[in-house]
Amino acid sequence: MLSTIFTSLVLLLTNPAADTKAVYKVNTVESKVIWTGEKLAGSHTGTINLSQGDLQFDGDKFAGGSFTIDMNSIVDTDLEGEYKGKLEGHLKSDDFFGVATYPTASFKITSVKSTGNNKYDVTGDITIKGTTEKITFPAELAVNGSKVTATSKITVDRSKFNVKYGSKSFFAEIGDKVIYDEFVLDVTLVAAK
């Protein structure tokens, strides 16, 4: 018995990180993503669902993670009836996100830098329409027992992902029909062990 305790203690001391890593699985029902896109004449907002995700910790330090978005779930929340349906259909079409060909978008964390008080600068690879770009954004974590809530506001430049419709980056003479290249994702990830 004493030799078993001693062996366990030696293993723990020689490999202290073995038991410190933890993965928190994202609850896709409790989590939410709100998108906002702006144009010269106003803006639109809506939601889009997560299909999976995780947050990773090394001890008590936030260390990484990833999430996947179901692009078929994009919904507009500021319009009703025919206009709502038309906008949702247009966003799913090849003019924008081409969800028939690219049904998911994803983000994978490559580095995390603490800025204090449960706040972080998160860097990672975001993939939309088969194109991957590196992006950095601020995030905040709240830990409550075995549950973690991560919140962030992510600004994405759609022109880097070949989302051309109404973009002045591709159509210089578009005039007042311009849709701004940047859109914002307000992301709340709720995860548990």
N, C-alpha and C. Protein backbone atom coordinates (compact mmCIF):
# COMPACT_ATOMS: atom_id res chain seq x y z
N MET A 1 0.84 -1.20 0.00
CA MET A 1 0.00 0.00 0.00
C MET A 1 0.87 1.25 0.00
N LEU A 2 1.89 1.26 0.86
CA LEU A 2 2.80 2.40 0.93
C LEU A 2 3.54 2.58 -0.40
N SER A 3 3.89 1.46 -1.04
CA SER A 3 4.60 1.55 -2.32
C SER A 3 3.68 2.11 -3.41
N THR A 4 2.37 1.81 -3.37
CA THR A 4 1.41 2.34 -4.34
C THR A 4 1.27 3.85 -4.18
N ILE A 5 1.17 4.32 -2.95
CA ILE A 5 1.08 5.76 -2.68
C ILE A 5 2.34 6.45 -3.15
N PHE A 6 3.51 5.85 -2.84
CA PHE A 6 4.79 6.43 -3.24
C PHE A 6 4.89 6.51 -4.77
N THR A 7 4.49 5.44 -5.47
CA THR A 7 4.52 5.41 -6.95
C THR A 7 3.62 6.50 -7.51
N SER A 8 2.41 6.67 -6.97
CA SER A 8 1.48 7.71 -7.44
C SER A 8 2.06 9.09 -7.22
N LEU A 9 2.71 9.29 -6.07
CA LEU A 9 3.32 10.57 -5.74
C LEU A 9 4.47 10.86 -6.70
N VAL A 10 5.29 9.88 -7.01
CA VAL A 10 6.40 10.06 -7.94
C VAL A 10 5.87 10.41 -9.33
N LEU A 11 4.82 9.71 -9.79
CA LEU A 11 4.23 10.01 -11.09
C LEU A 11 3.68 11.42 -11.15
N LEU A 12 3.03 11.85 -10.10
CA LEU A 12 2.47 13.20 -10.04
C LEU A 12 3.57 14.25 -10.07
N LEU A 13 4.65 14.02 -9.32
CA LEU A 13 5.75 14.98 -9.27
C LEU A 13 6.54 15.02 -10.58
N THR A 14 6.69 13.90 -11.26
CA THR A 14 7.44 13.87 -12.51
C THR A 14 6.60 14.30 -13.70
N ASN A 15 5.29 14.29 -13.56
CA ASN A 15 4.41 14.71 -14.64
C ASN A 15 3.26 15.54 -14.07
N PRO A 16 3.57 16.76 -13.55
CA PRO A 16 2.56 17.55 -12.86
C PRO A 16 1.42 18.03 -13.74
N ALA A 17 1.64 18.12 -15.06
CA ALA A 17 0.58 18.62 -15.95
C ALA A 17 -0.40 17.53 -16.35
N ALA A 18 -0.14 16.30 -15.97
CA ALA A 18 -0.97 15.18 -16.43
C ALA A 18 -2.43 15.34 -16.06
N ASP A 19 -2.71 15.85 -14.87
CA ASP A 19 -4.09 15.94 -14.41
C ASP A 19 -4.63 17.37 -14.41
N THR A 20 -3.90 18.33 -15.00
CA THR A 20 -4.33 19.72 -14.91
C THR A 20 -5.14 20.18 -16.11
N LYS A 21 -5.11 19.43 -17.20
CA LYS A 21 -5.83 19.86 -18.40
C LYS A 21 -7.31 19.47 -18.29
N ALA A 22 -8.17 20.39 -18.71
CA ALA A 22 -9.60 20.13 -18.67
C ALA A 22 -10.25 20.69 -19.93
N VAL A 23 -11.23 19.97 -20.44
CA VAL A 23 -11.99 20.41 -21.61
C VAL A 23 -13.43 20.60 -21.18
N TYR A 24 -13.95 21.79 -21.46
CA TYR A 24 -15.34 22.12 -21.17
C TYR A 24 -16.11 22.09 -22.50
N LYS A 25 -17.14 21.28 -22.56
CA LYS A 25 -17.94 21.15 -23.79
C LYS A 25 -18.97 22.28 -23.84
N VAL A 26 -19.08 22.92 -25.01
CA VAL A 26 -20.02 24.02 -25.20
C VAL A 26 -21.44 23.47 -25.27
N ASN A 27 -22.33 24.08 -24.49
CA ASN A 27 -23.75 23.76 -24.54
C ASN A 27 -24.34 24.61 -25.68
N THR A 28 -24.69 23.97 -26.79
CA THR A 28 -25.14 24.71 -27.97
C THR A 28 -26.53 25.32 -27.81
N VAL A 29 -27.29 24.86 -26.82
CA VAL A 29 -28.62 25.43 -26.57
C VAL A 29 -28.50 26.71 -25.75
N GLU A 30 -27.64 26.70 -24.72
CA GLU A 30 -27.47 27.88 -23.87
C GLU A 30 -26.59 28.95 -24.51
N SER A 31 -25.71 28.56 -25.40
CA SER A 31 -24.80 29.50 -26.05
C SER A 31 -25.53 30.24 -27.16
N LYS A 32 -25.00 31.42 -27.53
CA LYS A 32 -25.66 32.16 -28.61
C LYS A 32 -24.66 33.01 -29.39
N VAL A 33 -25.01 33.22 -30.64
CA VAL A 33 -24.24 34.10 -31.52
C VAL A 33 -25.22 35.06 -32.16
N ILE A 34 -25.00 36.35 -31.95
CA ILE A 34 -25.83 37.40 -32.56
C ILE A 34 -24.96 38.12 -33.59
N TRP A 35 -25.46 38.23 -34.82
CA TRP A 35 -24.70 38.91 -35.86
C TRP A 35 -25.33 40.26 -36.17
N THR A 36 -24.50 41.22 -36.58
CA THR A 36 -24.96 42.52 -37.02
C THR A 36 -24.17 42.92 -38.25
N GLY A 37 -24.90 43.26 -39.31
CA GLY A 37 -24.28 43.76 -40.54
C GLY A 37 -24.84 45.13 -40.84
N GLU A 38 -23.98 46.02 -41.32
CA GLU A 38 -24.42 47.39 -41.59
C GLU A 38 -24.26 47.74 -43.06
N LYS A 39 -25.14 48.61 -43.50
CA LYS A 39 -25.06 49.16 -44.86
C LYS A 39 -25.22 50.66 -44.74
N LEU A 40 -25.02 51.36 -45.83
CA LEU A 40 -25.10 52.81 -45.81
C LEU A 40 -26.45 53.30 -45.29
N ALA A 41 -27.52 52.57 -45.63
CA ALA A 41 -28.87 52.99 -45.28
C ALA A 41 -29.42 52.33 -44.02
N GLY A 42 -28.57 51.68 -43.19
CA GLY A 42 -29.08 51.05 -41.97
C GLY A 42 -28.31 49.80 -41.61
N SER A 43 -28.98 48.89 -40.91
CA SER A 43 -28.33 47.66 -40.48
C SER A 43 -29.36 46.55 -40.33
N HIS A 44 -28.86 45.33 -40.21
CA HIS A 44 -29.69 44.17 -39.91
C HIS A 44 -28.99 43.36 -38.83
N THR A 45 -29.78 42.65 -38.06
CA THR A 45 -29.24 41.80 -37.01
C THR A 45 -30.02 40.50 -36.95
N GLY A 46 -29.39 39.51 -36.34
CA GLY A 46 -30.05 38.22 -36.23
C GLY A 46 -29.22 37.25 -35.41
N THR A 47 -29.55 35.99 -35.53
CA THR A 47 -28.85 34.96 -34.76
C THR A 47 -28.37 33.86 -35.70
N ILE A 48 -27.44 33.08 -35.18
CA ILE A 48 -26.94 31.91 -35.88
C ILE A 48 -26.52 30.90 -34.81
N ASN A 49 -26.76 29.62 -35.06
CA ASN A 49 -26.55 28.60 -34.03
C ASN A 49 -25.17 27.96 -34.09
N LEU A 50 -24.70 27.59 -32.92
CA LEU A 50 -23.49 26.79 -32.82
C LEU A 50 -23.86 25.33 -32.99
N SER A 51 -23.00 24.55 -33.66
CA SER A 51 -23.25 23.12 -33.76
C SER A 51 -22.36 22.33 -32.79
N GLN A 52 -21.23 22.92 -32.38
CA GLN A 52 -20.37 22.27 -31.40
C GLN A 52 -19.28 23.25 -30.96
N GLY A 53 -18.58 22.88 -29.89
CA GLY A 53 -17.47 23.70 -29.44
C GLY A 53 -16.92 23.22 -28.12
N ASP A 54 -15.75 23.75 -27.76
CA ASP A 54 -15.16 23.43 -26.47
C ASP A 54 -14.23 24.56 -26.04
N LEU A 55 -14.00 24.64 -24.75
CA LEU A 55 -13.03 25.56 -24.15
C LEU A 55 -12.05 24.71 -23.38
N GLN A 56 -10.77 25.01 -23.50
CA GLN A 56 -9.73 24.19 -22.88
C GLN A 56 -8.98 24.99 -21.83
N PHE A 57 -8.67 24.30 -20.73
CA PHE A 57 -7.94 24.92 -19.62
C PHE A 57 -6.74 24.06 -19.26
N ASP A 58 -5.69 24.74 -18.82
CA ASP A 58 -4.53 24.07 -18.25
C ASP A 58 -4.47 24.56 -16.81
N GLY A 59 -4.94 23.73 -15.88
CA GLY A 59 -5.12 24.18 -14.51
C GLY A 59 -6.23 25.20 -14.49
N ASP A 60 -5.95 26.38 -13.94
CA ASP A 60 -6.96 27.44 -13.92
C ASP A 60 -6.75 28.46 -15.04
N LYS A 61 -5.84 28.14 -15.97
CA LYS A 61 -5.54 29.08 -17.06
C LYS A 61 -6.29 28.68 -18.32
N PHE A 62 -6.97 29.65 -18.91
CA PHE A 62 -7.63 29.46 -20.19
C PHE A 62 -6.55 29.20 -21.24
N ALA A 63 -6.66 28.10 -21.99
CA ALA A 63 -5.58 27.70 -22.88
C ALA A 63 -5.98 27.54 -24.35
N GLY A 64 -7.26 27.37 -24.65
CA GLY A 64 -7.63 27.17 -26.05
C GLY A 64 -9.08 26.78 -26.22
N GLY A 65 -9.38 26.29 -27.40
CA GLY A 65 -10.74 25.85 -27.70
C GLY A 65 -11.09 26.07 -29.15
N SER A 66 -12.35 25.78 -29.47
CA SER A 66 -12.83 25.95 -30.83
C SER A 66 -14.35 25.94 -30.83
N PHE A 67 -14.95 26.42 -31.92
CA PHE A 67 -16.38 26.27 -32.09
C PHE A 67 -16.73 26.24 -33.57
N THR A 68 -17.86 25.62 -33.86
CA THR A 68 -18.35 25.50 -35.23
C THR A 68 -19.76 26.08 -35.28
N ILE A 69 -20.01 26.85 -36.34
CA ILE A 69 -21.31 27.50 -36.54
C ILE A 69 -22.05 26.81 -37.68
N ASP A 70 -23.33 26.56 -37.48
CA ASP A 70 -24.21 25.98 -38.50
C ASP A 70 -24.73 27.12 -39.37
N MET A 71 -24.14 27.30 -40.55
CA MET A 71 -24.49 28.43 -41.42
C MET A 71 -25.92 28.34 -41.94
N ASN A 72 -26.51 27.15 -41.98
CA ASN A 72 -27.90 27.01 -42.41
C ASN A 72 -28.89 27.60 -41.41
N SER A 73 -28.42 27.86 -40.19
CA SER A 73 -29.32 28.34 -39.13
C SER A 73 -29.42 29.87 -39.08
N ILE A 74 -28.80 30.58 -40.02
CA ILE A 74 -28.80 32.04 -39.97
C ILE A 74 -30.24 32.58 -40.08
N VAL A 75 -30.58 33.46 -39.14
CA VAL A 75 -31.92 34.03 -39.05
C VAL A 75 -31.80 35.54 -38.85
N ASP A 76 -32.65 36.30 -39.51
CA ASP A 76 -32.75 37.74 -39.29
C ASP A 76 -33.82 37.98 -38.22
N THR A 77 -33.54 38.88 -37.27
CA THR A 77 -34.50 39.15 -36.19
C THR A 77 -35.09 40.55 -36.23
N ASP A 78 -34.71 41.38 -37.20
CA ASP A 78 -35.26 42.74 -37.22
C ASP A 78 -36.27 42.96 -38.34
N LEU A 79 -36.52 41.95 -39.16
CA LEU A 79 -37.52 42.05 -40.22
C LEU A 79 -38.61 41.01 -39.99
N GLU A 80 -39.72 41.16 -40.72
CA GLU A 80 -40.81 40.19 -40.65
C GLU A 80 -41.29 39.84 -42.05
N GLY A 81 -41.99 38.74 -42.14
CA GLY A 81 -42.68 38.36 -43.38
C GLY A 81 -41.76 38.16 -44.57
N GLU A 82 -42.21 38.67 -45.71
CA GLU A 82 -41.53 38.47 -46.99
C GLU A 82 -40.09 38.99 -46.97
N TYR A 83 -39.87 40.18 -46.40
CA TYR A 83 -38.53 40.77 -46.40
C TYR A 83 -37.55 39.96 -45.56
N LYS A 84 -38.05 39.42 -44.43
CA LYS A 84 -37.24 38.56 -43.58
C LYS A 84 -36.80 37.32 -44.36
N GLY A 85 -37.72 36.67 -45.03
CA GLY A 85 -37.42 35.47 -45.82
C GLY A 85 -36.45 35.76 -46.95
N LYS A 86 -36.65 36.90 -47.63
CA LYS A 86 -35.76 37.27 -48.73
C LYS A 86 -34.33 37.51 -48.23
N LEU A 87 -34.19 38.23 -47.11
CA LEU A 87 -32.85 38.50 -46.58
C LEU A 87 -32.17 37.21 -46.15
N GLU A 88 -32.89 36.35 -45.44
CA GLU A 88 -32.29 35.09 -44.99
C GLU A 88 -31.86 34.23 -46.18
N GLY A 89 -32.70 34.17 -47.21
CA GLY A 89 -32.36 33.42 -48.41
C GLY A 89 -31.14 34.00 -49.11
N HIS A 90 -31.08 35.33 -49.14
CA HIS A 90 -29.95 36.00 -49.80
C HIS A 90 -28.65 35.74 -49.03
N LEU A 91 -28.71 35.81 -47.69
CA LEU A 91 -27.51 35.55 -46.88
C LEU A 91 -27.01 34.12 -47.06
N LYS A 92 -27.92 33.18 -47.30
CA LYS A 92 -27.54 31.78 -47.49
C LYS A 92 -27.07 31.49 -48.92
N SER A 93 -27.36 32.40 -49.84
CA SER A 93 -27.02 32.19 -51.26
C SER A 93 -25.52 32.39 -51.50
N ASP A 94 -25.10 32.09 -52.72
CA ASP A 94 -23.69 32.25 -53.09
C ASP A 94 -23.25 33.71 -53.09
N ASP A 95 -24.20 34.66 -53.17
CA ASP A 95 -23.85 36.08 -53.06
C ASP A 95 -23.17 36.38 -51.73
N PHE A 96 -23.58 35.66 -50.70
CA PHE A 96 -23.00 35.87 -49.37
C PHE A 96 -22.25 34.62 -48.90
N PHE A 97 -22.89 33.74 -48.13
CA PHE A 97 -22.17 32.67 -47.44
C PHE A 97 -22.24 31.29 -48.12
N GLY A 98 -23.00 31.14 -49.19
CA GLY A 98 -23.01 29.90 -49.97
C GLY A 98 -23.17 28.65 -49.13
N VAL A 99 -24.20 28.62 -48.28
CA VAL A 99 -24.33 27.55 -47.29
C VAL A 99 -24.56 26.16 -47.90
N ALA A 100 -25.02 26.08 -49.13
CA ALA A 100 -25.18 24.77 -49.77
C ALA A 100 -23.80 24.11 -49.95
N THR A 101 -22.81 24.91 -50.26
CA THR A 101 -21.44 24.42 -50.44
C THR A 101 -20.64 24.47 -49.15
N TYR A 102 -20.89 25.50 -48.33
CA TYR A 102 -20.14 25.71 -47.09
C TYR A 102 -21.11 25.75 -45.91
N PRO A 103 -21.60 24.61 -45.44
CA PRO A 103 -22.63 24.57 -44.41
C PRO A 103 -22.17 24.97 -43.01
N THR A 104 -20.86 25.06 -42.80
CA THR A 104 -20.36 25.46 -41.49
C THR A 104 -19.27 26.52 -41.63
N ALA A 105 -19.09 27.27 -40.56
CA ALA A 105 -17.95 28.16 -40.38
C ALA A 105 -17.33 27.76 -39.05
N SER A 106 -16.04 28.03 -38.87
CA SER A 106 -15.41 27.56 -37.63
C SER A 106 -14.34 28.53 -37.14
N PHE A 107 -14.01 28.38 -35.87
CA PHE A 107 -12.93 29.15 -35.27
C PHE A 107 -12.15 28.23 -34.34
N LYS A 108 -10.82 28.25 -34.47
CA LYS A 108 -9.94 27.45 -33.62
C LYS A 108 -8.90 28.36 -33.00
N ILE A 109 -8.83 28.36 -31.68
CA ILE A 109 -7.88 29.20 -30.95
C ILE A 109 -6.47 28.66 -31.14
N THR A 110 -5.54 29.57 -31.46
CA THR A 110 -4.13 29.19 -31.58
C THR A 110 -3.29 29.75 -30.44
N SER A 111 -3.74 30.84 -29.81
CA SER A 111 -3.03 31.38 -28.64
C SER A 111 -3.97 32.23 -27.80
N VAL A 112 -3.65 32.28 -26.52
CA VAL A 112 -4.44 33.05 -25.55
C VAL A 112 -3.47 33.85 -24.70
N LYS A 113 -3.74 35.15 -24.56
CA LYS A 113 -2.90 36.00 -23.72
C LYS A 113 -3.78 36.68 -22.68
N SER A 114 -3.47 36.44 -21.41
CA SER A 114 -4.24 37.07 -20.33
C SER A 114 -3.94 38.55 -20.27
N THR A 115 -5.00 39.36 -20.11
CA THR A 115 -4.83 40.81 -19.93
C THR A 115 -5.30 41.22 -18.54
N GLY A 116 -5.57 40.23 -17.66
CA GLY A 116 -5.97 40.49 -16.28
C GLY A 116 -7.46 40.46 -16.07
N ASN A 117 -7.87 40.16 -14.84
CA ASN A 117 -9.28 40.17 -14.45
C ASN A 117 -10.17 39.30 -15.34
N ASN A 118 -9.71 38.07 -15.65
CA ASN A 118 -10.47 37.13 -16.48
C ASN A 118 -10.72 37.63 -17.89
N LYS A 119 -9.85 38.53 -18.36
CA LYS A 119 -9.94 39.04 -19.73
C LYS A 119 -8.74 38.55 -20.51
N TYR A 120 -8.96 38.32 -21.81
CA TYR A 120 -7.93 37.72 -22.65
C TYR A 120 -7.94 38.33 -24.04
N ASP A 121 -6.78 38.30 -24.69
CA ASP A 121 -6.70 38.52 -26.12
C ASP A 121 -6.59 37.13 -26.75
N VAL A 122 -7.55 36.80 -27.57
CA VAL A 122 -7.63 35.47 -28.17
C VAL A 122 -7.25 35.59 -29.65
N THR A 123 -6.34 34.74 -30.09
CA THR A 123 -5.94 34.69 -31.50
C THR A 123 -6.26 33.30 -32.03
N GLY A 124 -6.73 33.25 -33.27
CA GLY A 124 -7.04 31.95 -33.84
C GLY A 124 -7.33 32.03 -35.32
N ASP A 125 -7.70 30.89 -35.86
CA ASP A 125 -8.00 30.76 -37.28
C ASP A 125 -9.50 30.66 -37.47
N ILE A 126 -10.05 31.61 -38.23
CA ILE A 126 -11.47 31.59 -38.54
C ILE A 126 -11.63 31.16 -40.00
N THR A 127 -12.54 30.22 -40.24
CA THR A 127 -12.76 29.70 -41.58
C THR A 127 -14.21 29.97 -42.01
N ILE A 128 -14.35 30.70 -43.10
CA ILE A 128 -15.66 31.01 -43.69
C ILE A 128 -15.53 30.77 -45.19
N LYS A 129 -16.49 30.07 -45.78
CA LYS A 129 -16.49 29.77 -47.22
C LYS A 129 -15.18 29.12 -47.67
N GLY A 130 -14.62 28.25 -46.84
CA GLY A 130 -13.42 27.52 -47.20
C GLY A 130 -12.13 28.31 -47.13
N THR A 131 -12.20 29.56 -46.69
CA THR A 131 -11.01 30.40 -46.56
C THR A 131 -10.72 30.61 -45.09
N THR A 132 -9.46 30.47 -44.71
CA THR A 132 -9.05 30.62 -43.32
C THR A 132 -8.17 31.85 -43.16
N GLU A 133 -8.48 32.67 -42.15
CA GLU A 133 -7.71 33.87 -41.83
C GLU A 133 -7.44 33.89 -40.33
N LYS A 134 -6.32 34.50 -39.96
CA LYS A 134 -6.00 34.68 -38.54
C LYS A 134 -6.71 35.94 -38.05
N ILE A 135 -7.24 35.87 -36.83
CA ILE A 135 -7.96 36.99 -36.24
C ILE A 135 -7.68 37.04 -34.75
N THR A 136 -7.66 38.25 -34.18
CA THR A 136 -7.46 38.44 -32.74
C THR A 136 -8.58 39.31 -32.21
N PHE A 137 -9.12 38.96 -31.04
CA PHE A 137 -10.20 39.73 -30.44
C PHE A 137 -10.15 39.57 -28.92
N PRO A 138 -10.76 40.51 -28.18
CA PRO A 138 -10.81 40.39 -26.72
C PRO A 138 -11.94 39.46 -26.30
N ALA A 139 -11.72 38.75 -25.20
CA ALA A 139 -12.75 37.86 -24.64
C ALA A 139 -12.70 37.95 -23.13
N GLU A 140 -13.82 37.63 -22.50
CA GLU A 140 -13.90 37.62 -21.03
C GLU A 140 -14.51 36.30 -20.59
N LEU A 141 -13.96 35.73 -19.52
CA LEU A 141 -14.45 34.46 -19.00
C LEU A 141 -14.98 34.64 -17.59
N ALA A 142 -16.07 33.95 -17.29
CA ALA A 142 -16.62 33.89 -15.94
C ALA A 142 -16.72 32.41 -15.59
N VAL A 143 -16.06 32.02 -14.50
CA VAL A 143 -16.09 30.62 -14.07
C VAL A 143 -16.98 30.51 -12.85
N ASN A 144 -17.94 29.58 -12.91
CA ASN A 144 -18.85 29.36 -11.79
C ASN A 144 -18.92 27.86 -11.56
N GLY A 145 -18.06 27.35 -10.68
CA GLY A 145 -18.00 25.91 -10.42
C GLY A 145 -17.52 25.17 -11.64
N SER A 146 -18.33 24.25 -12.13
CA SER A 146 -17.94 23.46 -13.31
C SER A 146 -18.47 24.07 -14.61
N LYS A 147 -18.94 25.32 -14.55
CA LYS A 147 -19.50 25.99 -15.73
C LYS A 147 -18.66 27.23 -16.06
N VAL A 148 -18.41 27.43 -17.34
CA VAL A 148 -17.65 28.59 -17.82
C VAL A 148 -18.50 29.32 -18.84
N THR A 149 -18.53 30.66 -18.75
CA THR A 149 -19.18 31.48 -19.76
C THR A 149 -18.13 32.40 -20.37
N ALA A 150 -17.95 32.30 -21.68
CA ALA A 150 -17.00 33.15 -22.40
C ALA A 150 -17.78 34.09 -23.29
N THR A 151 -17.47 35.38 -23.24
CA THR A 151 -18.14 36.36 -24.08
C THR A 151 -17.10 37.13 -24.90
N SER A 152 -17.48 37.46 -26.11
CA SER A 152 -16.59 38.24 -26.96
C SER A 152 -17.38 38.92 -28.07
N LYS A 153 -16.78 39.97 -28.57
CA LYS A 153 -17.33 40.69 -29.73
C LYS A 153 -16.25 40.55 -30.81
N ILE A 154 -16.61 39.86 -31.89
CA ILE A 154 -15.66 39.56 -32.95
C ILE A 154 -16.06 40.33 -34.21
N THR A 155 -15.15 41.16 -34.70
CA THR A 155 -15.39 41.89 -35.94
C THR A 155 -14.70 41.14 -37.08
N VAL A 156 -15.49 40.82 -38.11
CA VAL A 156 -14.99 40.02 -39.23
C VAL A 156 -15.10 40.85 -40.51
N ASP A 157 -14.03 40.85 -41.30
CA ASP A 157 -14.03 41.51 -42.61
C ASP A 157 -14.41 40.47 -43.67
N ARG A 158 -15.65 40.53 -44.13
CA ARG A 158 -16.18 39.52 -45.06
C ARG A 158 -15.43 39.49 -46.39
N SER A 159 -14.82 40.60 -46.78
CA SER A 159 -14.13 40.64 -48.07
C SER A 159 -12.94 39.67 -48.10
N LYS A 160 -12.40 39.33 -46.94
CA LYS A 160 -11.28 38.37 -46.87
C LYS A 160 -11.75 36.94 -47.12
N PHE A 161 -13.06 36.72 -47.12
CA PHE A 161 -13.62 35.38 -47.29
C PHE A 161 -14.44 35.26 -48.58
N ASN A 162 -14.17 36.15 -49.52
CA ASN A 162 -14.82 36.12 -50.82
C ASN A 162 -16.34 36.30 -50.74
N VAL A 163 -16.77 37.09 -49.77
CA VAL A 163 -18.19 37.46 -49.65
C VAL A 163 -18.29 38.85 -50.28
N LYS A 164 -18.61 38.88 -51.56
CA LYS A 164 -18.46 40.09 -52.38
C LYS A 164 -19.68 40.98 -52.47
N TYR A 165 -20.88 40.44 -52.34
CA TYR A 165 -22.09 41.18 -52.67
C TYR A 165 -22.15 42.54 -51.95
N GLY A 166 -22.33 43.61 -52.72
CA GLY A 166 -22.49 44.95 -52.17
C GLY A 166 -21.25 45.52 -51.52
N SER A 167 -20.09 44.91 -51.76
CA SER A 167 -18.85 45.36 -51.12
C SER A 167 -18.12 46.36 -51.99
N LYS A 168 -17.76 47.49 -51.39
CA LYS A 168 -17.00 48.51 -52.10
C LYS A 168 -15.59 48.02 -52.41
N SER A 169 -15.12 47.02 -51.67
CA SER A 169 -13.80 46.43 -51.92
C SER A 169 -13.75 45.76 -53.30
N PHE A 170 -14.90 45.28 -53.79
CA PHE A 170 -14.96 44.60 -55.07
C PHE A 170 -15.65 45.43 -56.15
N PHE A 171 -16.58 46.30 -55.73
CA PHE A 171 -17.37 47.09 -56.68
C PHE A 171 -17.28 48.56 -56.29
N ALA A 172 -16.27 49.24 -56.80
CA ALA A 172 -15.97 50.63 -56.40
C ALA A 172 -17.11 51.60 -56.74
N GLU A 173 -17.88 51.33 -57.78
CA GLU A 173 -18.93 52.26 -58.23
C GLU A 173 -20.31 51.90 -57.69
N ILE A 174 -20.38 51.25 -56.55
CA ILE A 174 -21.66 50.76 -56.02
C ILE A 174 -22.55 51.87 -55.45
N GLY A 175 -21.95 53.00 -55.12
CA GLY A 175 -22.71 54.14 -54.63
C GLY A 175 -23.38 53.88 -53.30
N ASP A 176 -24.68 54.29 -53.18
CA ASP A 176 -25.39 54.18 -51.89
C ASP A 176 -25.93 52.78 -51.62
N LYS A 177 -25.62 51.82 -52.48
CA LYS A 177 -26.05 50.42 -52.26
C LYS A 177 -25.00 49.62 -51.48
N VAL A 178 -23.96 50.31 -51.02
CA VAL A 178 -22.85 49.63 -50.35
C VAL A 178 -23.29 48.95 -49.05
N ILE A 179 -22.77 47.75 -48.86
CA ILE A 179 -22.91 47.02 -47.59
C ILE A 179 -21.51 46.93 -47.02
N TYR A 180 -21.31 47.39 -45.81
CA TYR A 180 -19.97 47.45 -45.25
C TYR A 180 -19.35 46.07 -45.13
N ASP A 181 -18.04 46.01 -45.33
CA ASP A 181 -17.33 44.73 -45.31
C ASP A 181 -17.32 44.10 -43.92
N GLU A 182 -17.24 44.91 -42.89
CA GLU A 182 -17.15 44.35 -41.54
C GLU A 182 -18.53 44.03 -40.96
N PHE A 183 -18.65 42.85 -40.37
CA PHE A 183 -19.84 42.52 -39.59
C PHE A 183 -19.37 42.05 -38.22
N VAL A 184 -20.28 42.10 -37.25
CA VAL A 184 -19.92 41.82 -35.86
C VAL A 184 -20.66 40.59 -35.38
N LEU A 185 -19.94 39.72 -34.68
CA LEU A 185 -20.53 38.56 -34.01
C LEU A 185 -20.39 38.77 -32.51
N ASP A 186 -21.52 38.86 -31.80
CA ASP A 186 -21.52 38.88 -30.34
C ASP A 186 -21.70 37.43 -29.89
N VAL A 187 -20.63 36.86 -29.36
CA VAL A 187 -20.60 35.43 -29.05
C VAL A 187 -20.64 35.22 -27.54
N THR A 188 -21.54 34.35 -27.10
CA THR A 188 -21.59 33.90 -25.71
C THR A 188 -21.53 32.37 -25.71
N LEU A 189 -20.43 31.84 -25.21
CA LEU A 189 -20.27 30.39 -25.12
C LEU A 189 -20.47 29.96 -23.69
N VAL A 190 -21.39 29.04 -23.46
CA VAL A 190 -21.63 28.46 -22.14
C VAL A 190 -21.14 27.02 -22.21
N ALA A 191 -20.19 26.68 -21.35
CA ALA A 191 -19.57 25.35 -21.42
C ALA A 191 -19.45 24.75 -20.03
N ALA A 192 -19.43 23.42 -19.98
CA ALA A 192 -19.30 22.71 -18.72
C ALA A 192 -18.44 21.47 -18.91
N LYS A 193 -17.83 21.00 -17.80
CA LYS A 193 -17.01 19.78 -17.84
C LYS A 193 -17.86 18.59 -18.17
